[in-house]
Amino acid sequence: MTSIKKYAVLLAILFSLFFSFLSPDTVLLLQAEEDSSPPLQLYARSAVLMDASSGRILYEKDGHNPLPMASTTKIMTCILALEYGCKEDYVVVSPYAASMPKVKLNAASGEYFRLEDLLYSLMLESHNDSAVVIAEHIGGSCAGFADMMNQKARDLGCFDTFFITPNGLDATASGKDGIVKAHSTTAADLARIMSYCIMDSPKKEEFLTITRTASYSFQSFHEKDGDYQPSGRSFHCNNHNAFLSMMEGALSGKTGFTGNAGYCYVGALNRDNRTFVVALLACGWPNNKSYKWSDTRQLMNYGLENFEYHSLSEAAYDESSLPDLPVMNGQTQRLDSTAYTRLEIDRDGKWNTGKTASLEDGLLLKKGEQFQVSCQIAESLTAPVQAGTQVGTIKYLAGGDVYGVEYIVAAENVPAIDYSWCFEQILARYSL
């Protein structure tokens, strides 16, 4: 072996040994430096920064790792109660609800509350007993309500989420697949649920009103012969979401903590036509209660400093550049010619989230980033062809992910060659 080859082999061995001693976090750092995008220094074990409008993840740290989420669970409890309940309903407290551990409203068994009042108790003070009263009223039982929560999660595309309790207390249960799972979600799923609550739910305005209220007072009731009278007990709630006063444009949020979950947080901010959602899981344990605020501010500032809103119209495919498409066995004006159909773009496309998209829609792109456009068209068609028949797609991508799709369609009918057409062509050609 030559000295040059020996030197190359020695270098390869040294590099292999060096990388074998690196921790996963260090390797991630080296990869990020190669991409000129060093990772943020976050306390949370799992974190996501999301574009709430499109669902695009702008930054993540183990964002798809299932973890317990504590009282951030209550954003799902709240939005389901708003969508399926009546705020004016009087709701009774069961013995089971009254037995919930702190933090609690201390509602008494047999006591009645207006559903709307309990939603403020749920979201401002994070009362565990209020969550159970709500769940039993909306779902018939906590188990029935958990089924509703999990179905809603699946409807939103959150397939790594498993709800057991309406309040986020640590729990385990068997899923439909028979596997025992913990009450858990991922930062990506939690951010997606919050995005739905503030952007797409038909009750989004009520959700925002409740979660942005600084303080709220209400009373309980007793029932007699279908009549509800004040019981004499009054309650007062203060909002514990400190993020609302931390940054301009803060929209909403929910804190959470259990011994297994640690400190958790999900919050939203809107500024300059941009809406960001941050989700944090396992963001420290006592005495590190402030870590979640540091991480939230850092991620929100990262989004504000690095991402700008761009509409699809900036990358809209030029319809005039579409070719005419040959149609095999199609009728033409002349016997010996090939039939063609013009093509056009159906601008009523779809986001990857299933939302209807138009050229005025868009998403947040990193500075210097652009939409990529992929156009695929069939090479030919076979008659008969109906106008509107899909013959291709135009995909709008960012970071390799598809965010918008438009469809290329035939612009006109092309009937198939038949005996009648052939007879007419022969007459035309050989007539004197």
Protein backbone atom coordinates (compact mmCIF):
# COMPACT_ATOMS: atom_id res chain seq x y z
CA MET A 1 0.00 0.00 0.00
CA THR A 2 1.39 3.40 -0.98
CA SER A 3 2.01 6.07 1.66
CA ILE A 4 -0.84 8.20 0.23
CA LYS A 5 -3.32 5.33 0.54
CA LYS A 6 -2.14 4.61 4.12
CA TYR A 7 -2.65 8.29 4.99
CA ALA A 8 -6.18 8.26 3.54
CA VAL A 9 -7.12 5.12 5.48
CA LEU A 10 -5.73 6.64 8.71
CA LEU A 11 -7.77 9.82 8.19
CA ALA A 12 -10.95 7.78 7.57
CA ILE A 13 -10.40 5.85 10.83
CA LEU A 14 -9.82 9.05 12.81
CA PHE A 15 -12.98 10.68 11.42
CA SER A 16 -14.99 7.54 12.19
CA LEU A 17 -13.76 7.50 15.80
CA PHE A 18 -14.44 11.24 16.18
CA PHE A 19 -18.05 11.00 15.01
CA SER A 20 -18.71 7.85 17.07
CA PHE A 21 -18.13 9.86 20.26
CA LEU A 22 -20.44 12.69 19.29
CA SER A 23 -23.82 12.90 20.98
CA PRO A 24 -26.92 13.14 18.75
CA ASP A 25 -27.28 16.82 19.72
CA THR A 26 -23.70 17.53 18.60
CA VAL A 27 -24.22 15.85 15.24
CA LEU A 28 -27.36 17.92 14.82
CA LEU A 29 -25.33 21.04 15.53
CA LEU A 30 -22.71 20.14 12.94
CA GLN A 31 -25.38 19.45 10.34
CA ALA A 32 -27.06 22.73 11.13
CA GLU A 33 -23.79 24.64 10.76
CA GLU A 34 -23.33 23.11 7.33
CA ASP A 35 -26.79 24.44 6.47
CA SER A 36 -25.81 27.87 7.96
CA SER A 37 -28.81 27.56 10.27
CA PRO A 38 -27.62 26.84 13.83
CA PRO A 39 -30.26 25.38 16.15
CA LEU A 40 -31.87 27.53 18.80
CA GLN A 41 -30.88 26.94 22.41
CA LEU A 42 -34.17 25.70 23.84
CA TYR A 43 -34.95 24.20 27.23
CA ALA A 44 -37.94 22.18 25.97
CA ARG A 45 -37.33 18.56 25.04
CA SER A 46 -39.84 18.96 22.22
CA ALA A 47 -40.76 22.22 20.49
CA VAL A 48 -42.44 23.45 17.31
CA LEU A 49 -42.90 26.84 15.67
CA MET A 50 -45.78 26.65 13.18
CA ASP A 51 -47.33 28.91 10.55
CA ALA A 52 -50.91 28.78 11.82
CA SER A 53 -52.38 29.66 8.41
CA SER A 54 -50.86 26.78 6.46
CA GLY A 55 -49.77 24.34 9.17
CA ARG A 56 -46.19 24.55 7.95
CA ILE A 57 -43.59 23.76 10.62
CA LEU A 58 -41.03 26.56 10.56
CA TYR A 59 -38.76 25.16 13.27
CA GLU A 60 -38.81 22.04 15.38
CA LYS A 61 -36.85 20.23 18.04
CA ASP A 62 -38.02 16.60 18.20
CA GLY A 63 -41.43 17.94 17.25
CA HIS A 64 -42.93 14.53 16.45
CA ASN A 65 -41.94 12.79 19.69
CA PRO A 66 -45.06 11.82 21.75
CA LEU A 67 -44.96 13.20 25.30
CA PRO A 68 -47.51 13.98 28.03
CA MET A 69 -48.96 17.49 27.61
CA ALA A 70 -50.63 18.27 30.96
CA SER A 71 -53.22 21.07 30.92
CA THR A 72 -52.49 22.18 27.36
CA THR A 73 -55.04 19.38 26.79
CA LYS A 74 -57.70 21.90 27.80
CA ILE A 75 -57.58 23.77 24.48
CA MET A 76 -59.23 20.68 22.94
CA THR A 77 -61.71 20.45 25.82
CA CYS A 78 -62.63 24.11 25.36
CA ILE A 79 -63.07 24.06 21.58
CA LEU A 80 -65.22 20.91 21.67
CA ALA A 81 -67.43 22.42 24.40
CA LEU A 82 -67.87 25.56 22.30
CA GLU A 83 -68.66 23.60 19.13
CA TYR A 84 -71.00 21.00 20.65
CA GLY A 85 -72.41 22.71 23.72
CA CYS A 86 -74.64 25.67 24.54
CA LYS A 87 -72.96 28.29 26.69
CA GLU A 88 -76.23 29.04 28.49
CA ASP A 89 -76.69 25.43 29.67
CA TYR A 90 -76.73 24.75 33.41
CA VAL A 91 -74.29 21.95 34.15
CA VAL A 92 -74.35 19.77 37.26
CA VAL A 93 -71.24 18.70 39.20
CA SER A 94 -70.93 14.92 39.69
CA PRO A 95 -69.22 13.32 42.70
CA TYR A 96 -66.43 12.18 40.36
CA ALA A 97 -65.85 15.72 39.08
CA ALA A 98 -65.83 17.09 42.62
CA SER A 99 -63.12 14.56 43.56
CA MET A 100 -60.54 15.94 41.10
CA PRO A 101 -57.18 17.02 42.54
CA LYS A 102 -55.86 20.56 42.60
CA VAL A 103 -55.76 22.87 40.76
CA LYS A 104 -59.57 22.96 41.16
CA LEU A 105 -62.57 25.24 41.43
CA ASN A 106 -63.74 23.31 44.52
CA ALA A 107 -67.15 22.79 42.96
CA ALA A 108 -69.46 20.76 45.18
CA SER A 109 -71.30 17.65 44.08
CA GLY A 110 -74.83 18.57 43.00
CA GLU A 111 -73.91 22.23 42.41
CA TYR A 112 -74.83 23.82 39.04
CA PHE A 113 -72.84 26.19 36.83
CA ARG A 114 -73.40 27.84 33.48
CA LEU A 115 -71.28 26.12 30.86
CA GLU A 116 -69.78 29.44 29.74
CA ASP A 117 -68.61 30.22 33.28
CA LEU A 118 -66.90 26.84 33.51
CA LEU A 119 -65.01 27.53 30.28
CA TYR A 120 -63.42 30.60 31.90
CA SER A 121 -62.58 28.49 34.95
CA LEU A 122 -61.06 25.89 32.61
CA MET A 123 -58.89 28.22 30.54
CA LEU A 124 -57.93 30.99 32.99
CA GLU A 125 -57.28 29.05 36.19
CA SER A 126 -56.95 25.57 34.58
CA HIS A 127 -59.36 23.97 37.06
CA ASN A 128 -59.35 20.17 36.78
CA ASP A 129 -62.83 19.66 38.23
CA SER A 130 -64.33 22.14 35.75
CA ALA A 131 -62.82 20.09 32.89
CA VAL A 132 -64.56 16.94 34.10
CA VAL A 133 -67.92 18.70 34.58
CA ILE A 134 -67.67 19.98 31.00
CA ALA A 135 -66.62 16.59 29.62
CA GLU A 136 -69.46 14.73 31.33
CA HIS A 137 -71.98 17.28 30.06
CA ILE A 138 -70.78 17.26 26.43
CA GLY A 139 -69.73 13.61 26.07
CA GLY A 140 -71.96 11.88 28.60
CA SER A 141 -68.87 10.68 30.46
CA CYS A 142 -65.14 11.34 30.48
CA ALA A 143 -64.63 8.24 28.33
CA GLY A 144 -67.24 9.41 25.84
CA PHE A 145 -65.66 12.85 25.72
CA ALA A 146 -62.20 11.33 25.21
CA ASP A 147 -63.61 9.53 22.14
CA MET A 148 -64.76 12.91 20.82
CA MET A 149 -61.34 14.43 21.53
CA ASN A 150 -59.51 11.65 19.71
CA GLN A 151 -61.86 11.78 16.73
CA LYS A 152 -61.34 15.54 16.47
CA ALA A 153 -57.59 15.03 16.64
CA ARG A 154 -57.76 12.56 13.75
CA ASP A 155 -59.98 14.95 11.78
CA LEU A 156 -57.25 17.59 12.17
CA GLY A 157 -54.53 15.18 11.03
CA CYS A 158 -53.10 14.67 14.52
CA PHE A 159 -52.36 10.95 14.43
CA ASP A 160 -49.74 10.91 17.20
CA THR A 161 -52.16 12.21 19.84
CA PHE A 162 -54.03 10.11 22.40
CA PHE A 163 -56.46 11.79 24.80
CA ILE A 164 -57.65 10.03 27.95
CA THR A 165 -58.60 12.85 30.33
CA PRO A 166 -60.26 16.21 29.62
CA ASN A 167 -57.91 18.03 32.01
CA GLY A 168 -54.52 16.60 31.06
CA LEU A 169 -53.81 14.72 34.27
CA ASP A 170 -51.33 11.90 33.69
CA ALA A 171 -53.09 8.68 32.72
CA THR A 172 -52.73 5.49 30.68
CA ALA A 173 -55.36 3.47 28.82
CA SER A 174 -55.71 0.94 26.02
CA GLY A 175 -56.23 2.36 22.58
CA LYS A 176 -58.51 0.83 19.94
CA ASP A 177 -55.52 -1.22 18.81
CA GLY A 178 -55.29 -2.77 22.29
CA ILE A 179 -51.94 -1.13 23.03
CA VAL A 180 -51.64 0.65 26.37
CA LYS A 181 -50.79 4.30 25.74
CA ALA A 182 -50.20 7.37 27.85
CA HIS A 183 -52.21 10.58 27.63
CA SER A 184 -49.90 12.29 25.15
CA THR A 185 -49.38 14.32 22.03
CA THR A 186 -46.51 15.79 20.01
CA ALA A 187 -45.48 19.41 19.78
CA ALA A 188 -46.43 19.30 16.08
CA ASP A 189 -49.92 17.95 16.84
CA LEU A 190 -50.45 20.37 19.73
CA ALA A 191 -49.50 23.31 17.50
CA ARG A 192 -51.91 22.04 14.84
CA ILE A 193 -54.76 21.83 17.37
CA MET A 194 -54.10 25.38 18.56
CA SER A 195 -53.96 26.58 14.93
CA TYR A 196 -57.40 25.08 14.40
CA CYS A 197 -58.77 26.72 17.55
CA ILE A 198 -57.69 30.23 16.51
CA MET A 199 -57.92 30.04 12.71
CA ASP A 200 -60.46 27.52 11.45
CA SER A 201 -62.97 26.56 14.12
CA PRO A 202 -66.44 28.09 13.68
CA LYS A 203 -66.07 29.06 17.37
CA LYS A 204 -62.63 30.65 17.02
CA GLU A 205 -63.77 34.12 18.11
CA GLU A 206 -65.34 32.75 21.30
CA PHE A 207 -62.20 30.72 21.97
CA LEU A 208 -60.04 33.83 21.59
CA THR A 209 -62.35 35.91 23.77
CA ILE A 210 -62.17 33.40 26.61
CA THR A 211 -58.42 32.79 26.45
CA ARG A 212 -57.59 36.52 26.26
CA THR A 213 -59.78 37.59 29.20
CA ALA A 214 -57.67 38.91 32.08
CA SER A 215 -60.12 38.08 34.86
CA TYR A 216 -63.66 36.77 35.24
CA SER A 217 -66.22 36.38 38.05
CA PHE A 218 -69.28 34.15 38.24
CA GLN A 219 -71.54 32.28 40.65
CA SER A 220 -72.98 28.81 41.13
CA PHE A 221 -76.63 27.79 41.27
CA HIS A 222 -78.94 25.28 42.87
CA GLU A 223 -81.85 23.70 41.04
CA LYS A 224 -85.43 23.17 42.21
CA ASP A 225 -88.22 21.98 39.92
CA GLY A 226 -86.29 23.04 36.81
CA ASP A 227 -85.61 26.52 38.17
CA TYR A 228 -82.03 27.69 38.80
CA GLN A 229 -81.33 30.17 41.58
CA PRO A 230 -78.00 31.62 42.77
CA SER A 231 -76.51 29.49 45.52
CA GLY A 232 -74.73 32.34 47.23
CA ARG A 233 -71.28 31.09 46.24
CA SER A 234 -69.20 33.30 43.96
CA PHE A 235 -65.92 32.62 42.18
CA HIS A 236 -63.15 34.70 40.61
CA CYS A 237 -60.59 33.64 37.97
CA ASN A 238 -57.37 35.30 36.81
CA ASN A 239 -55.59 34.49 33.56
CA HIS A 240 -52.22 32.80 34.19
CA ASN A 241 -51.01 33.08 30.59
CA ALA A 242 -48.19 35.57 31.14
CA PHE A 243 -47.31 35.49 27.44
CA LEU A 244 -50.31 37.72 26.69
CA SER A 245 -48.41 40.70 28.12
CA MET A 246 -44.94 39.65 26.97
CA MET A 247 -45.07 40.35 23.24
CA GLU A 248 -47.00 42.65 20.96
CA GLY A 249 -49.61 40.67 19.04
CA ALA A 250 -49.95 37.82 21.56
CA LEU A 251 -53.25 36.09 20.79
CA SER A 252 -53.89 33.13 23.03
CA GLY A 253 -52.26 30.33 24.97
CA LYS A 254 -52.48 27.65 27.61
CA THR A 255 -50.02 26.54 30.27
CA GLY A 256 -49.71 23.06 31.76
CA PHE A 257 -47.81 21.06 34.37
CA THR A 258 -47.79 17.56 35.83
CA GLY A 259 -45.00 15.54 37.39
CA ASN A 260 -44.59 13.44 34.26
CA ALA A 261 -45.14 16.17 31.68
CA GLY A 262 -43.10 18.96 33.25
CA TYR A 263 -43.96 22.49 32.23
CA CYS A 264 -45.78 22.68 28.89
CA TYR A 265 -47.11 25.58 26.84
CA VAL A 266 -48.93 26.32 23.60
CA GLY A 267 -49.43 29.91 22.46
CA ALA A 268 -50.16 32.05 19.42
CA LEU A 269 -49.07 35.46 18.13
CA ASN A 270 -50.22 37.57 15.18
CA ARG A 271 -48.17 40.40 13.72
CA ASP A 272 -47.86 41.92 10.23
CA ASN A 273 -50.22 39.43 8.55
CA ARG A 274 -48.35 36.50 10.11
CA THR A 275 -49.74 34.13 12.73
CA PHE A 276 -47.31 31.92 14.63
CA VAL A 277 -48.04 29.09 17.05
CA VAL A 278 -45.46 27.75 19.51
CA ALA A 279 -45.88 24.39 21.27
CA LEU A 280 -43.51 23.24 24.02
CA LEU A 281 -43.45 19.90 25.84
CA ALA A 282 -41.26 18.91 28.81
CA CYS A 283 -39.93 22.45 29.17
CA GLY A 284 -38.32 22.05 32.59
CA TRP A 285 -39.46 20.95 36.02
CA PRO A 286 -39.61 22.86 39.32
CA ASN A 287 -37.93 25.22 39.99
CA ASN A 288 -37.70 26.15 36.30
CA LYS A 289 -41.19 27.49 35.72
CA SER A 290 -39.94 30.40 33.59
CA TYR A 291 -38.22 28.23 30.96
CA LYS A 292 -41.39 28.03 28.89
CA TRP A 293 -41.58 31.81 28.58
CA SER A 294 -37.93 32.03 27.49
CA ASP A 295 -38.43 29.34 24.83
CA THR A 296 -41.69 30.87 23.61
CA ARG A 297 -40.17 34.32 23.21
CA GLN A 298 -37.12 32.89 21.43
CA LEU A 299 -39.19 30.90 18.95
CA MET A 300 -41.63 33.75 18.27
CA ASN A 301 -38.75 36.16 17.66
CA TYR A 302 -37.12 33.61 15.37
CA GLY A 303 -40.32 33.50 13.33
CA LEU A 304 -40.72 37.28 13.24
CA GLU A 305 -37.12 37.85 12.19
CA ASN A 306 -36.79 35.12 9.58
CA PHE A 307 -40.14 34.48 7.89
CA GLU A 308 -42.25 36.58 5.54
CA TYR A 309 -45.69 35.98 4.07
CA HIS A 310 -45.79 35.04 0.37
CA SER A 311 -48.86 34.31 -1.72
CA LEU A 312 -49.14 31.62 -4.37
CA SER A 313 -49.66 34.33 -6.97
CA GLU A 314 -45.93 35.02 -6.85
CA ALA A 315 -45.28 31.58 -8.31
CA ALA A 316 -48.50 31.11 -10.31
CA TYR A 317 -47.96 28.87 -13.31
CA ASP A 318 -48.47 30.68 -16.62
CA GLU A 319 -51.50 29.11 -18.26
CA SER A 320 -50.41 30.35 -21.71
CA SER A 321 -47.33 28.10 -21.53
CA LEU A 322 -49.44 24.94 -21.42
CA PRO A 323 -49.15 22.88 -24.62
CA ASP A 324 -52.07 21.60 -26.65
CA LEU A 325 -52.43 17.92 -25.81
CA PRO A 326 -52.78 15.27 -28.58
CA VAL A 327 -55.92 13.13 -28.40
CA MET A 328 -55.64 9.69 -29.92
CA ASN A 329 -58.69 8.51 -31.94
CA GLY A 330 -60.14 12.02 -31.74
CA GLN A 331 -62.24 13.69 -34.46
CA THR A 332 -60.54 16.45 -36.46
CA GLN A 333 -61.33 18.72 -39.38
CA ARG A 334 -59.20 16.56 -41.69
CA LEU A 335 -59.04 12.81 -42.04
CA ASP A 336 -55.24 12.53 -41.84
CA SER A 337 -54.59 14.93 -38.92
CA THR A 338 -54.18 14.48 -35.15
CA ALA A 339 -56.75 15.84 -32.74
CA TYR A 340 -55.68 18.17 -29.95
CA THR A 341 -57.32 19.79 -26.95
CA ARG A 342 -56.39 23.06 -25.32
CA LEU A 343 -55.51 22.92 -21.65
CA GLU A 344 -56.42 25.26 -18.82
CA ILE A 345 -55.81 25.47 -15.08
CA ASP A 346 -58.55 24.88 -12.55
CA ARG A 347 -57.52 27.51 -10.00
CA ASP A 348 -59.71 26.00 -7.27
CA GLY A 349 -56.83 24.02 -5.78
CA LYS A 350 -56.28 22.47 -2.38
CA TRP A 351 -53.84 22.98 0.45
CA ASN A 352 -52.15 19.89 1.79
CA THR A 353 -54.31 20.45 4.90
CA GLY A 354 -57.44 20.05 2.78
CA LYS A 355 -58.30 23.75 2.83
CA THR A 356 -59.48 25.35 -0.41
CA ALA A 357 -56.64 27.42 -1.86
CA SER A 358 -56.56 30.37 -4.24
CA LEU A 359 -53.70 32.34 -5.71
CA GLU A 360 -54.16 34.91 -2.96
CA ASP A 361 -53.45 32.28 -0.31
CA GLY A 362 -49.92 31.56 0.77
CA LEU A 363 -47.63 30.72 3.64
CA LEU A 364 -44.60 31.92 5.52
CA LEU A 365 -41.28 31.45 3.74
CA LYS A 366 -37.84 31.99 5.18
CA LYS A 367 -36.02 35.03 3.84
CA GLY A 368 -34.46 34.07 0.52
CA GLU A 369 -36.69 31.00 0.17
CA GLN A 370 -39.04 30.68 -2.81
CA PHE A 371 -41.90 28.45 -3.88
CA GLN A 372 -40.90 25.57 -6.10
CA VAL A 373 -43.38 24.68 -8.84
CA SER A 374 -43.75 21.18 -10.26
CA CYS A 375 -45.92 20.65 -13.35
CA GLN A 376 -46.92 17.19 -14.55
CA ILE A 377 -49.06 16.65 -17.67
CA ALA A 378 -50.15 13.49 -19.45
CA GLU A 379 -48.38 12.87 -22.76
CA SER A 380 -51.62 12.24 -24.61
CA LEU A 381 -55.30 11.37 -24.18
CA THR A 382 -57.65 8.94 -25.87
CA ALA A 383 -61.00 10.13 -27.19
CA PRO A 384 -63.68 10.72 -26.18
CA VAL A 385 -62.50 13.56 -23.93
CA GLN A 386 -64.86 15.75 -21.93
CA ALA A 387 -64.03 19.38 -21.11
CA GLY A 388 -62.88 19.53 -17.49
CA THR A 389 -61.16 16.14 -17.57
CA GLN A 390 -58.09 16.27 -15.32
CA VAL A 391 -54.90 15.72 -17.31
CA GLY A 392 -52.22 17.00 -14.94
CA THR A 393 -51.27 18.76 -11.71
CA ILE A 394 -49.32 21.83 -10.67
CA LYS A 395 -47.77 21.49 -7.23
CA TYR A 396 -46.48 24.39 -5.15
CA LEU A 397 -43.73 23.29 -2.79
CA ALA A 398 -41.70 24.85 0.00
CA GLY A 399 -38.79 23.05 1.60
CA GLY A 400 -39.66 19.93 -0.38
CA ASP A 401 -43.20 19.73 1.04
CA VAL A 402 -46.31 20.22 -1.10
CA TYR A 403 -48.55 23.03 0.19
CA GLY A 404 -50.79 23.77 -2.76
CA VAL A 405 -52.09 21.79 -5.73
CA GLU A 406 -53.88 23.03 -8.85
CA TYR A 407 -55.32 20.83 -11.55
CA ILE A 408 -54.74 21.00 -15.30
CA VAL A 409 -57.86 20.10 -17.27
CA ALA A 410 -58.96 19.71 -20.88
CA ALA A 411 -60.57 22.93 -22.09
CA GLU A 412 -62.84 21.40 -24.74
CA ASN A 413 -64.69 18.26 -25.79
CA VAL A 414 -63.04 15.92 -28.28
CA PRO A 415 -65.43 13.20 -29.55
CA ALA A 416 -64.07 9.84 -30.67
CA ILE A 417 -63.87 8.82 -34.33
CA ASP A 418 -67.00 6.90 -35.35
CA TYR A 419 -68.59 5.59 -38.57
CA SER A 420 -70.60 8.77 -39.07
CA TRP A 421 -67.48 10.95 -38.88
CA CYS A 422 -65.57 8.64 -41.23
CA PHE A 423 -68.39 8.68 -43.77
CA GLU A 424 -68.53 12.50 -43.72
CA GLN A 425 -64.75 12.71 -44.19
CA ILE A 426 -64.85 10.34 -47.19
CA LEU A 427 -67.64 12.29 -48.82
CA ALA A 428 -65.77 15.53 -48.27
CA ARG A 429 -62.55 14.17 -49.73
CA TYR A 430 -63.97 12.44 -52.84
CA SER A 431 -66.93 14.67 -53.67
CA LEU A 432 -66.75 16.38 -57.05
